[in-house]
C-alpha atoms as a PDB file:
ATOM      1  CA  MET A   1       4.525  40.966   0.319  1.00  0.00           C
ATOM      2  CA  VAL A   2       3.436  38.235  -2.081  1.00  0.00           C
ATOM      3  CA  GLU A   3       1.867  39.418  -5.320  1.00  0.00           C
ATOM      4  CA  PHE A   4      -0.730  37.200  -6.910  1.00  0.00           C
ATOM      5  CA  THR A   5      -0.398  37.260 -10.706  1.00  0.00           C
ATOM      6  CA  HIS A   6      -3.981  36.210 -11.459  1.00  0.00           C
ATOM      7  CA  ILE A   7      -5.748  38.812  -9.302  1.00  0.00           C
ATOM      8  CA  ARG A   8      -6.208  42.497 -10.029  1.00  0.00           C
ATOM      9  CA  GLY A   9      -8.078  44.216  -7.243  1.00  0.00           C
ATOM     10  CA  ASP A  10     -10.969  41.883  -6.555  1.00  0.00           C
ATOM     11  CA  ARG A  11     -11.060  40.296 -10.033  1.00  0.00           C
ATOM     12  CA  ALA A  12      -9.261  37.273 -11.425  1.00  0.00           C
ATOM     13  CA  HIS A  13      -7.662  37.550 -14.863  1.00  0.00           C
ATOM     14  CA  MET A  14      -5.633  35.537 -17.323  1.00  0.00           C
ATOM     15  CA  VAL A  15      -1.924  36.435 -17.299  1.00  0.00           C
ATOM     16  CA  ASP A  16      -0.756  38.153 -20.508  1.00  0.00           C
ATOM     17  CA  ILE A  17       1.791  35.863 -22.182  1.00  0.00           C
ATOM     18  CA  THR A  18       1.896  37.550 -25.580  1.00  0.00           C
ATOM     19  CA  GLY A  19       5.392  38.931 -25.002  1.00  0.00           C
ATOM     20  CA  LYS A  20       6.892  35.567 -24.076  1.00  0.00           C
ATOM     21  CA  ALA A  21       8.935  33.555 -26.566  1.00  0.00           C
ATOM     22  CA  ASP A  22       7.685  30.253 -27.952  1.00  0.00           C
ATOM     23  CA  VAL A  23       9.781  27.375 -26.605  1.00  0.00           C
ATOM     24  CA  THR A  24       9.406  23.645 -26.094  1.00  0.00           C
ATOM     25  CA  ARG A  25       7.712  22.865 -22.794  1.00  0.00           C
ATOM     26  CA  GLU A  26       7.152  19.574 -21.017  1.00  0.00           C
ATOM     27  CA  ALA A  27       5.654  18.453 -17.719  1.00  0.00           C
ATOM     28  CA  ILE A  28       5.236  15.077 -16.067  1.00  0.00           C
ATOM     29  CA  ALA A  29       2.742  14.561 -13.248  1.00  0.00           C
ATOM     30  CA  LYS A  30       1.996  11.536 -11.113  1.00  0.00           C
ATOM     31  CA  GLY A  31      -0.612  10.442  -8.611  1.00  0.00           C
ATOM     32  CA  LYS A  32      -1.785   7.282  -6.852  1.00  0.00           C
ATOM     33  CA  ILE A  33      -5.085   5.557  -6.177  1.00  0.00           C
ATOM     34  CA  TYR A  34      -5.138   2.998  -3.380  1.00  0.00           C
ATOM     35  CA  LEU A  35      -7.485   0.053  -3.895  1.00  0.00           C
ATOM     36  CA  ARG A  36      -8.387  -3.277  -2.316  1.00  0.00           C
ATOM     37  CA  PRO A  37      -6.139  -6.179  -3.370  1.00  0.00           C
ATOM     38  CA  GLU A  38      -9.089  -7.925  -5.029  1.00  0.00           C
ATOM     39  CA  THR A  39      -9.808  -4.821  -7.101  1.00  0.00           C
ATOM     40  CA  LEU A  40      -6.187  -4.564  -8.225  1.00  0.00           C
ATOM     41  CA  THR A  41      -6.312  -8.221  -9.264  1.00  0.00           C
ATOM     42  CA  ALA A  42      -9.529  -7.679 -11.237  1.00  0.00           C
ATOM     43  CA  ILE A  43      -7.981  -4.705 -13.050  1.00  0.00           C
ATOM     44  CA  ARG A  44      -4.773  -6.618 -13.797  1.00  0.00           C
ATOM     45  CA  GLU A  45      -6.695  -9.658 -15.077  1.00  0.00           C
ATOM     46  CA  GLY A  46      -9.200  -7.602 -17.104  1.00  0.00           C
ATOM     47  CA  LYS A  47     -12.150  -8.758 -14.996  1.00  0.00           C
ATOM     48  CA  ALA A  48     -13.519  -5.435 -13.726  1.00  0.00           C
ATOM     49  CA  LEU A  49     -17.297  -5.250 -14.159  1.00  0.00           C
ATOM     50  CA  LYS A  50     -17.278  -2.006 -16.173  1.00  0.00           C
ATOM     51  CA  GLY A  51     -14.600  -3.179 -18.622  1.00  0.00           C
ATOM     52  CA  ASN A  52     -10.990  -2.250 -19.300  1.00  0.00           C
ATOM     53  CA  VAL A  53     -10.262   0.165 -16.464  1.00  0.00           C
ATOM     54  CA  LEU A  54      -6.837   1.416 -17.517  1.00  0.00           C
ATOM     55  CA  ALA A  55      -7.718   1.848 -21.197  1.00  0.00           C
ATOM     56  CA  THR A  56     -10.757   3.884 -20.207  1.00  0.00           C
ATOM     57  CA  ALA A  57      -8.699   5.955 -17.753  1.00  0.00           C
ATOM     58  CA  GLN A  58      -6.079   6.581 -20.447  1.00  0.00           C
ATOM     59  CA  VAL A  59      -8.672   7.914 -22.887  1.00  0.00           C
ATOM     60  CA  ALA A  60     -10.356  10.010 -20.184  1.00  0.00           C
ATOM     61  CA  ALA A  61      -7.013  11.513 -19.149  1.00  0.00           C
ATOM     62  CA  THR A  62      -6.122  12.361 -22.736  1.00  0.00           C
ATOM     63  CA  LEU A  63      -9.449  14.115 -23.261  1.00  0.00           C
ATOM     64  CA  ALA A  64      -9.053  15.985 -19.965  1.00  0.00           C
ATOM     65  CA  VAL A  65      -5.586  17.237 -20.914  1.00  0.00           C
ATOM     66  CA  LYS A  66      -7.045  18.603 -24.153  1.00  0.00           C
ATOM     67  CA  ASP A  67      -9.842  20.356 -22.221  1.00  0.00           C
ATOM     68  CA  THR A  68      -7.767  21.811 -19.377  1.00  0.00           C
ATOM     69  CA  SER A  69      -8.257  25.417 -20.456  1.00  0.00           C
ATOM     70  CA  ARG A  70     -12.036  24.870 -20.455  1.00  0.00           C
ATOM     71  CA  ILE A  71     -12.171  23.547 -16.892  1.00  0.00           C
ATOM     72  CA  ILE A  72      -9.435  25.617 -15.189  1.00  0.00           C
ATOM     73  CA  PRO A  73     -10.625  29.201 -15.729  1.00  0.00           C
ATOM     74  CA  MET A  74      -7.316  31.068 -16.057  1.00  0.00           C
ATOM     75  CA  CYS A  75      -5.411  28.452 -18.077  1.00  0.00           C
ATOM     76  CA  HIS A  76      -4.488  29.409 -21.605  1.00  0.00           C
ATOM     77  CA  PRO A  77      -5.630  27.215 -24.486  1.00  0.00           C
ATOM     78  CA  ILE A  78      -2.406  25.820 -25.877  1.00  0.00           C
ATOM     79  CA  PHE A  79      -1.118  23.717 -28.739  1.00  0.00           C
ATOM     80  CA  LEU A  80      -0.395  20.200 -27.494  1.00  0.00           C
ATOM     81  CA  GLY A  81       2.317  18.283 -29.275  1.00  0.00           C
ATOM     82  CA  SER A  82       2.204  15.093 -27.233  1.00  0.00           C
ATOM     83  CA  ILE A  83       0.236  13.445 -24.437  1.00  0.00           C
ATOM     84  CA  THR A  84       1.259  10.200 -22.758  1.00  0.00           C
ATOM     85  CA  VAL A  85      -0.643   8.426 -20.003  1.00  0.00           C
ATOM     86  CA  ASP A  86       0.851   5.370 -18.339  1.00  0.00           C
ATOM     87  CA  PHE A  87       0.118   3.289 -15.256  1.00  0.00           C
ATOM     88  CA  GLU A  88       2.302   1.377 -12.815  1.00  0.00           C
ATOM     89  CA  GLU A  89       1.042  -0.963 -10.126  1.00  0.00           C
ATOM     90  CA  GLY A  90       2.600  -0.670  -6.691  1.00  0.00           C
ATOM     91  CA  ASP A  91       1.935  -2.213  -3.298  1.00  0.00           C
ATOM     92  CA  GLY A  92      -1.785  -1.572  -2.916  1.00  0.00           C
ATOM     93  CA  TYR A  93      -2.081   1.174  -5.507  1.00  0.00           C
ATOM     94  CA  ILE A  94      -1.986   2.153  -9.156  1.00  0.00           C
ATOM     95  CA  GLU A  95       0.122   5.156 -10.080  1.00  0.00           C
ATOM     96  CA  ALA A  96      -0.943   7.255 -13.056  1.00  0.00           C
ATOM     97  CA  ILE A  97       1.759   9.151 -14.950  1.00  0.00           C
ATOM     98  CA  ALA A  98       0.856  11.865 -17.458  1.00  0.00           C
ATOM     99  CA  GLY A  99       3.384  13.538 -19.727  1.00  0.00           C
ATOM    100  CA  VAL A 100       2.500  16.579 -21.810  1.00  0.00           C
ATOM    101  CA  LYS A 101       4.622  18.380 -24.404  1.00  0.00           C
ATOM    102  CA  SER A 102       3.961  21.646 -26.137  1.00  0.00           C
ATOM    103  CA  TYR A 103       5.680  24.394 -28.077  1.00  0.00           C
ATOM    104  CA  GLY A 104       4.493  27.776 -26.952  1.00  0.00           C
ATOM    105  CA  LYS A 105       4.467  30.608 -24.457  1.00  0.00           C
ATOM    106  CA  THR A 106       3.258  28.883 -21.304  1.00  0.00           C
ATOM    107  CA  GLY A 107       3.897  25.673 -19.410  1.00  0.00           C
ATOM    108  CA  VAL A 108       1.907  22.463 -19.403  1.00  0.00           C
ATOM    109  CA  GLU A 109       1.916  21.621 -15.702  1.00  0.00           C
ATOM    110  CA  MET A 110      -1.818  22.156 -15.295  1.00  0.00           C
ATOM    111  CA  GLU A 111      -2.503  19.911 -18.282  1.00  0.00           C
ATOM    112  CA  ALA A 112      -0.378  17.103 -16.825  1.00  0.00           C
ATOM    113  CA  LEU A 113      -2.008  17.485 -13.395  1.00  0.00           C
ATOM    114  CA  THR A 114      -5.472  17.480 -14.952  1.00  0.00           C
ATOM    115  CA  GLY A 115      -4.658  14.323 -16.901  1.00  0.00           C
ATOM    116  CA  VAL A 116      -3.459  12.481 -13.800  1.00  0.00           C
ATOM    117  CA  SER A 117      -6.429  13.642 -11.745  1.00  0.00           C
ATOM    118  CA  VAL A 118      -8.991  12.512 -14.318  1.00  0.00           C
ATOM    119  CA  ALA A 119      -7.191   9.189 -14.857  1.00  0.00           C
ATOM    120  CA  LEU A 120      -7.400   8.462 -11.130  1.00  0.00           C
ATOM    121  CA  LEU A 121     -11.015   9.609 -10.871  1.00  0.00           C
ATOM    122  CA  THR A 122     -11.915   7.396 -13.828  1.00  0.00           C
ATOM    123  CA  ILE A 123     -10.284   4.392 -12.188  1.00  0.00           C
ATOM    124  CA  TRP A 124     -12.312   5.102  -9.033  1.00  0.00           C
ATOM    125  CA  ASP A 125     -15.520   5.369 -11.050  1.00  0.00           C
ATOM    126  CA  MET A 126     -14.823   2.134 -12.921  1.00  0.00           C
ATOM    127  CA  VAL A 127     -14.282   0.097  -9.724  1.00  0.00           C
ATOM    128  CA  LYS A 128     -16.366   1.867  -7.101  1.00  0.00           C
ATOM    129  CA  SER A 129     -18.861  -0.996  -6.740  1.00  0.00           C
ATOM    130  CA  ALA A 130     -16.001  -3.343  -5.814  1.00  0.00           C
ATOM    131  CA  GLU A 131     -14.485  -0.842  -3.385  1.00  0.00           C
ATOM    132  CA  LYS A 132     -17.562  -0.144  -1.243  1.00  0.00           C
ATOM    133  CA  ASP A 133     -17.957  -1.835   2.119  1.00  0.00           C
ATOM    134  CA  GLU A 134     -21.239  -3.160   3.543  1.00  0.00           C
ATOM    135  CA  ASP A 135     -22.207   0.393   4.573  1.00  0.00           C
ATOM    136  CA  GLY A 136     -21.514   1.832   1.119  1.00  0.00           C
ATOM    137  CA  GLN A 137     -18.319   3.553   2.256  1.00  0.00           C
ATOM    138  CA  TYR A 138     -14.792   3.466   0.791  1.00  0.00           C
ATOM    139  CA  PRO A 139     -12.489   2.458   3.669  1.00  0.00           C
ATOM    140  CA  VAL A 140      -9.474   1.667   1.447  1.00  0.00           C
ATOM    141  CA  THR A 141      -9.986   3.759  -1.672  1.00  0.00           C
ATOM    142  CA  ARG A 142      -8.135   7.057  -1.746  1.00  0.00           C
ATOM    143  CA  ILE A 143      -6.301   9.286  -4.165  1.00  0.00           C
ATOM    144  CA  GLU A 144      -2.997  10.741  -2.977  1.00  0.00           C
ATOM    145  CA  GLU A 145       0.251  12.352  -3.995  1.00  0.00           C
ATOM    146  CA  ILE A 146      -0.876  14.166  -7.138  1.00  0.00           C
ATOM    147  CA  ARG A 147       2.108  16.295  -8.069  1.00  0.00           C
ATOM    148  CA  VAL A 148       4.348  17.593 -10.831  1.00  0.00           C
ATOM    149  CA  VAL A 149       7.499  15.472 -10.790  1.00  0.00           C
ATOM    150  CA  GLU A 150       9.310  17.139 -13.670  1.00  0.00           C
ATOM    151  CA  LYS A 151       9.091  20.317 -15.711  1.00  0.00           C
ATOM    152  CA  ARG A 152      11.304  21.278 -18.654  1.00  0.00           C
ATOM    153  CA  LYS A 153      11.454  24.416 -20.742  1.00  0.00           C
ATOM    154  CA  GLY A 154      13.401  25.234 -23.872  1.00  0.00           C
ATOM    155  CA  GLN A 155      15.082  21.896 -24.488  1.00  0.00           C
END
């Protein structure tokens, strides 16, 4: 039988980490947003209507990483030693990559995933007018493959 660590009876709770040792922790998460070719060109050339899309997404992701414990109820507030947010353009998409480092008792996977998610959502928000079709729908735009690609502890 699987035991859920965040549920006691019918109530959710934060896992007690006080007995764990402080160690260096790192996580890297990635995710993709697929966009129209014209939108990718506008982003690359700095011609998006709302301004610098990737700079705005980088700031939004950084702020989101710092606020993860406020928006994910059972996440512990943790000391963050480093946050990096980078972007790579692929064939029809932009990939966001968030790296988070900490020294403490719990991992930083949720922080990295939150950073990537908010970066991609910010990109969508910044270009949504260019992505809509004549019916106001988003036939191309989609966010996919948000995942933790690497996790390190104690190195």
